[in-house]
């Protein structure tokens, strides 16, 4: 499995790429493998302020639906609309084409609570 060292991670299996006050968020390689074939991503929080650990959407796989949890408080700025027509990109390229949302971070101090790659690998036993 692939876990880029420059990203941050959550115990709920989201990854976060931080660029200034913007965070790009998706699910990890581990999460997409656990879910199986992803058929739909639903995010209805565009333009909303969402608190850390609140649900910002759901991901639907062939056998299950899973909530997506916000890793950092912030305003949801953008949804990756390409995953509407190609949800399988979450499986094939979870850290690239399969990203889900972009958020304007409202509480930068929360970044310290995210896991680095070593801590995330320990969490999942990798």
C-alpha atoms as a PDB file:
ATOM      1  CA  UNK A   1       0.000   0.000   0.000  1.00  0.00           C
ATOM      2  CA  UNK A   2       1.012   3.552  -0.685  1.00  0.00           C
ATOM      3  CA  UNK A   3       1.199   6.254   2.018  1.00  0.00           C
ATOM      4  CA  UNK A   4       2.882   9.477   0.828  1.00  0.00           C
ATOM      5  CA  UNK A   5       5.119  10.876   3.585  1.00  0.00           C
ATOM      6  CA  UNK A   6       4.243  14.513   2.810  1.00  0.00           C
ATOM      7  CA  UNK A   7       0.559  14.000   3.688  1.00  0.00           C
ATOM      8  CA  UNK A   8      -1.186  13.995   7.063  1.00  0.00           C
ATOM      9  CA  UNK A   9      -3.668  11.302   8.059  1.00  0.00           C
ATOM     10  CA  UNK A  10      -6.625  10.708  10.406  1.00  0.00           C
ATOM     11  CA  UNK A  11      -7.695   7.740  12.500  1.00  0.00           C
ATOM     12  CA  UNK A  12     -10.778   7.629  10.234  1.00  0.00           C
ATOM     13  CA  UNK A  13      -8.558   6.983   7.172  1.00  0.00           C
ATOM     14  CA  UNK A  14      -8.694  10.361   5.451  1.00  0.00           C
ATOM     15  CA  UNK A  15      -5.548  11.975   4.050  1.00  0.00           C
ATOM     16  CA  UNK A  16      -4.861  15.705   4.087  1.00  0.00           C
ATOM     17  CA  UNK A  17      -2.542  17.732   1.863  1.00  0.00           C
ATOM     18  CA  UNK A  18      -1.986  21.193   3.327  1.00  0.00           C
ATOM     19  CA  UNK A  19      -0.980  24.104   1.097  1.00  0.00           C
ATOM     20  CA  UNK A  20      -1.122  27.378   3.019  1.00  0.00           C
ATOM     21  CA  UNK A  21      -4.638  27.629   4.446  1.00  0.00           C
ATOM     22  CA  UNK A  22      -6.132  25.176   1.928  1.00  0.00           C
ATOM     23  CA  UNK A  23      -6.445  21.457   2.653  1.00  0.00           C
ATOM     24  CA  UNK A  24      -7.121  18.867  -0.038  1.00  0.00           C
ATOM     25  CA  UNK A  25      -8.805  15.794   1.449  1.00  0.00           C
ATOM     26  CA  UNK A  26      -9.448  12.242   0.291  1.00  0.00           C
ATOM     27  CA  UNK A  27      -9.453   8.696   1.627  1.00  0.00           C
ATOM     28  CA  UNK A  28      -6.310   6.635   2.045  1.00  0.00           C
ATOM     29  CA  UNK A  29      -5.150   3.689  -0.034  1.00  0.00           C
ATOM     30  CA  UNK A  30      -5.963   1.494   2.993  1.00  0.00           C
ATOM     31  CA  UNK A  31      -9.536   2.853   3.161  1.00  0.00           C
ATOM     32  CA  UNK A  32     -10.283   2.366  -0.528  1.00  0.00           C
ATOM     33  CA  UNK A  33      -8.978  -1.229  -0.358  1.00  0.00           C
ATOM     34  CA  UNK A  34     -11.191  -1.927   2.683  1.00  0.00           C
ATOM     35  CA  UNK A  35     -14.260  -0.436   0.971  1.00  0.00           C
ATOM     36  CA  UNK A  36     -13.774  -2.202  -2.351  1.00  0.00           C
ATOM     37  CA  UNK A  37     -15.077  -0.863  -5.662  1.00  0.00           C
ATOM     38  CA  UNK A  38     -16.276   2.702  -5.109  1.00  0.00           C
ATOM     39  CA  UNK A  39     -19.350   3.608  -7.164  1.00  0.00           C
ATOM     40  CA  UNK A  40     -20.380   7.030  -5.801  1.00  0.00           C
ATOM     41  CA  UNK A  41     -19.115   9.882  -3.641  1.00  0.00           C
ATOM     42  CA  UNK A  42     -21.741  12.212  -2.139  1.00  0.00           C
ATOM     43  CA  UNK A  43     -20.687  15.562  -0.700  1.00  0.00           C
ATOM     44  CA  UNK A  44     -23.519  17.998   0.036  1.00  0.00           C
ATOM     45  CA  UNK A  45     -21.495  20.401   2.212  1.00  0.00           C
ATOM     46  CA  UNK A  46     -20.029  22.644  -0.526  1.00  0.00           C
ATOM     47  CA  UNK A  47     -19.913  26.230   0.735  1.00  0.00           C
ATOM     48  CA  UNK A  48     -20.577  25.164   4.327  1.00  0.00           C
ATOM     49  CA  UNK A  49     -18.436  25.518   7.424  1.00  0.00           C
ATOM     50  CA  UNK A  50     -17.873  22.008   8.781  1.00  0.00           C
ATOM     51  CA  UNK A  51     -16.340  21.272  12.177  1.00  0.00           C
ATOM     52  CA  UNK A  52     -13.501  18.814  12.675  1.00  0.00           C
ATOM     53  CA  UNK A  53     -14.751  15.195  12.935  1.00  0.00           C
ATOM     54  CA  UNK A  54     -18.213  16.077  11.562  1.00  0.00           C
ATOM     55  CA  UNK A  55     -19.480  14.143   8.542  1.00  0.00           C
ATOM     56  CA  UNK A  56     -18.855  16.026   5.291  1.00  0.00           C
ATOM     57  CA  UNK A  57     -20.179  13.368   2.924  1.00  0.00           C
ATOM     58  CA  UNK A  58     -20.365   9.670   2.167  1.00  0.00           C
ATOM     59  CA  UNK A  59     -18.602   7.234  -0.093  1.00  0.00           C
ATOM     60  CA  UNK A  60     -20.588   4.350  -1.544  1.00  0.00           C
ATOM     61  CA  UNK A  61     -18.942   1.105  -2.520  1.00  0.00           C
ATOM     62  CA  UNK A  62     -20.576  -1.963  -4.050  1.00  0.00           C
ATOM     63  CA  UNK A  63     -21.211  -3.521  -0.620  1.00  0.00           C
ATOM     64  CA  UNK A  64     -21.323  -0.587   1.828  1.00  0.00           C
ATOM     65  CA  UNK A  65     -21.747   3.134   2.449  1.00  0.00           C
ATOM     66  CA  UNK A  66     -19.236   4.892   4.676  1.00  0.00           C
ATOM     67  CA  UNK A  67     -19.264   8.363   6.204  1.00  0.00           C
ATOM     68  CA  UNK A  68     -16.471  10.800   5.404  1.00  0.00           C
ATOM     69  CA  UNK A  69     -15.189  12.710   8.433  1.00  0.00           C
ATOM     70  CA  UNK A  70     -13.730  16.207   8.309  1.00  0.00           C
ATOM     71  CA  UNK A  71     -10.069  16.117   9.434  1.00  0.00           C
ATOM     72  CA  UNK A  72      -9.936  19.889  10.110  1.00  0.00           C
ATOM     73  CA  UNK A  73     -12.556  22.566  10.738  1.00  0.00           C
ATOM     74  CA  UNK A  74     -13.107  24.741   7.712  1.00  0.00           C
ATOM     75  CA  UNK A  75     -15.244  25.873   4.804  1.00  0.00           C
ATOM     76  CA  UNK A  76     -15.736  23.319   2.034  1.00  0.00           C
ATOM     77  CA  UNK A  77     -14.661  25.212  -1.095  1.00  0.00           C
ATOM     78  CA  UNK A  78     -14.636  22.618  -3.824  1.00  0.00           C
ATOM     79  CA  UNK A  79     -15.680  19.095  -4.713  1.00  0.00           C
ATOM     80  CA  UNK A  80     -13.671  17.072  -7.215  1.00  0.00           C
ATOM     81  CA  UNK A  81     -16.417  16.889  -9.842  1.00  0.00           C
ATOM     82  CA  UNK A  82     -14.370  14.433 -11.922  1.00  0.00           C
ATOM     83  CA  UNK A  83     -15.214  11.688  -9.409  1.00  0.00           C
ATOM     84  CA  UNK A  84     -18.920  12.060 -10.285  1.00  0.00           C
ATOM     85  CA  UNK A  85     -18.284  10.419 -13.654  1.00  0.00           C
ATOM     86  CA  UNK A  86     -15.224   8.393 -12.555  1.00  0.00           C
ATOM     87  CA  UNK A  87     -15.680   7.310  -8.912  1.00  0.00           C
ATOM     88  CA  UNK A  88     -13.268   4.440  -9.578  1.00  0.00           C
ATOM     89  CA  UNK A  89     -10.439   7.017  -9.552  1.00  0.00           C
ATOM     90  CA  UNK A  90     -10.753   6.933  -5.730  1.00  0.00           C
ATOM     91  CA  UNK A  91      -9.659   3.282  -6.003  1.00  0.00           C
ATOM     92  CA  UNK A  92      -7.034   3.660  -8.709  1.00  0.00           C
ATOM     93  CA  UNK A  93      -5.455   6.984  -7.646  1.00  0.00           C
ATOM     94  CA  UNK A  94      -6.626   7.888  -4.110  1.00  0.00           C
ATOM     95  CA  UNK A  95      -3.935  10.566  -3.587  1.00  0.00           C
ATOM     96  CA  UNK A  96      -4.188  12.119  -7.052  1.00  0.00           C
ATOM     97  CA  UNK A  97      -7.220  12.027  -9.347  1.00  0.00           C
ATOM     98  CA  UNK A  98      -9.319  10.534  -6.534  1.00  0.00           C
ATOM     99  CA  UNK A  99      -9.139  13.525  -4.156  1.00  0.00           C
ATOM    100  CA  UNK A 100     -12.548  14.532  -2.791  1.00  0.00           C
ATOM    101  CA  UNK A 101     -12.731  18.082  -1.415  1.00  0.00           C
ATOM    102  CA  UNK A 102     -10.764  21.270  -0.843  1.00  0.00           C
ATOM    103  CA  UNK A 103     -11.276  23.189   2.396  1.00  0.00           C
ATOM    104  CA  UNK A 104     -10.235  26.595   3.688  1.00  0.00           C
ATOM    105  CA  UNK A 105      -8.823  25.771   7.140  1.00  0.00           C
ATOM    106  CA  UNK A 106     -10.467  27.821   9.897  1.00  0.00           C
ATOM    107  CA  UNK A 107      -8.425  26.557  12.862  1.00  0.00           C
ATOM    108  CA  UNK A 108      -4.760  25.965  11.881  1.00  0.00           C
ATOM    109  CA  UNK A 109      -3.919  24.649  15.369  1.00  0.00           C
ATOM    110  CA  UNK A 110      -5.908  21.482  14.541  1.00  0.00           C
ATOM    111  CA  UNK A 111      -3.210  20.435  12.042  1.00  0.00           C
ATOM    112  CA  UNK A 112      -1.083  19.308  15.012  1.00  0.00           C
ATOM    113  CA  UNK A 113      -3.696  16.635  15.847  1.00  0.00           C
ATOM    114  CA  UNK A 114      -3.294  14.883  12.485  1.00  0.00           C
ATOM    115  CA  UNK A 115      -1.142  11.770  12.167  1.00  0.00           C
ATOM    116  CA  UNK A 116       2.116  11.663  10.253  1.00  0.00           C
ATOM    117  CA  UNK A 117       2.809   8.710   7.959  1.00  0.00           C
ATOM    118  CA  UNK A 118       4.628   6.720  10.675  1.00  0.00           C
ATOM    119  CA  UNK A 119       1.758   7.085  13.158  1.00  0.00           C
ATOM    120  CA  UNK A 120      -0.825   6.200  10.491  1.00  0.00           C
ATOM    121  CA  UNK A 121       1.065   3.066   9.451  1.00  0.00           C
ATOM    122  CA  UNK A 122       1.235   2.041  13.132  1.00  0.00           C
ATOM    123  CA  UNK A 123      -2.536   2.607  13.441  1.00  0.00           C
ATOM    124  CA  UNK A 124      -3.327   0.226  10.588  1.00  0.00           C
ATOM    125  CA  UNK A 125      -0.527  -2.228  11.320  1.00  0.00           C
ATOM    126  CA  UNK A 126       1.371  -1.591   8.091  1.00  0.00           C
END
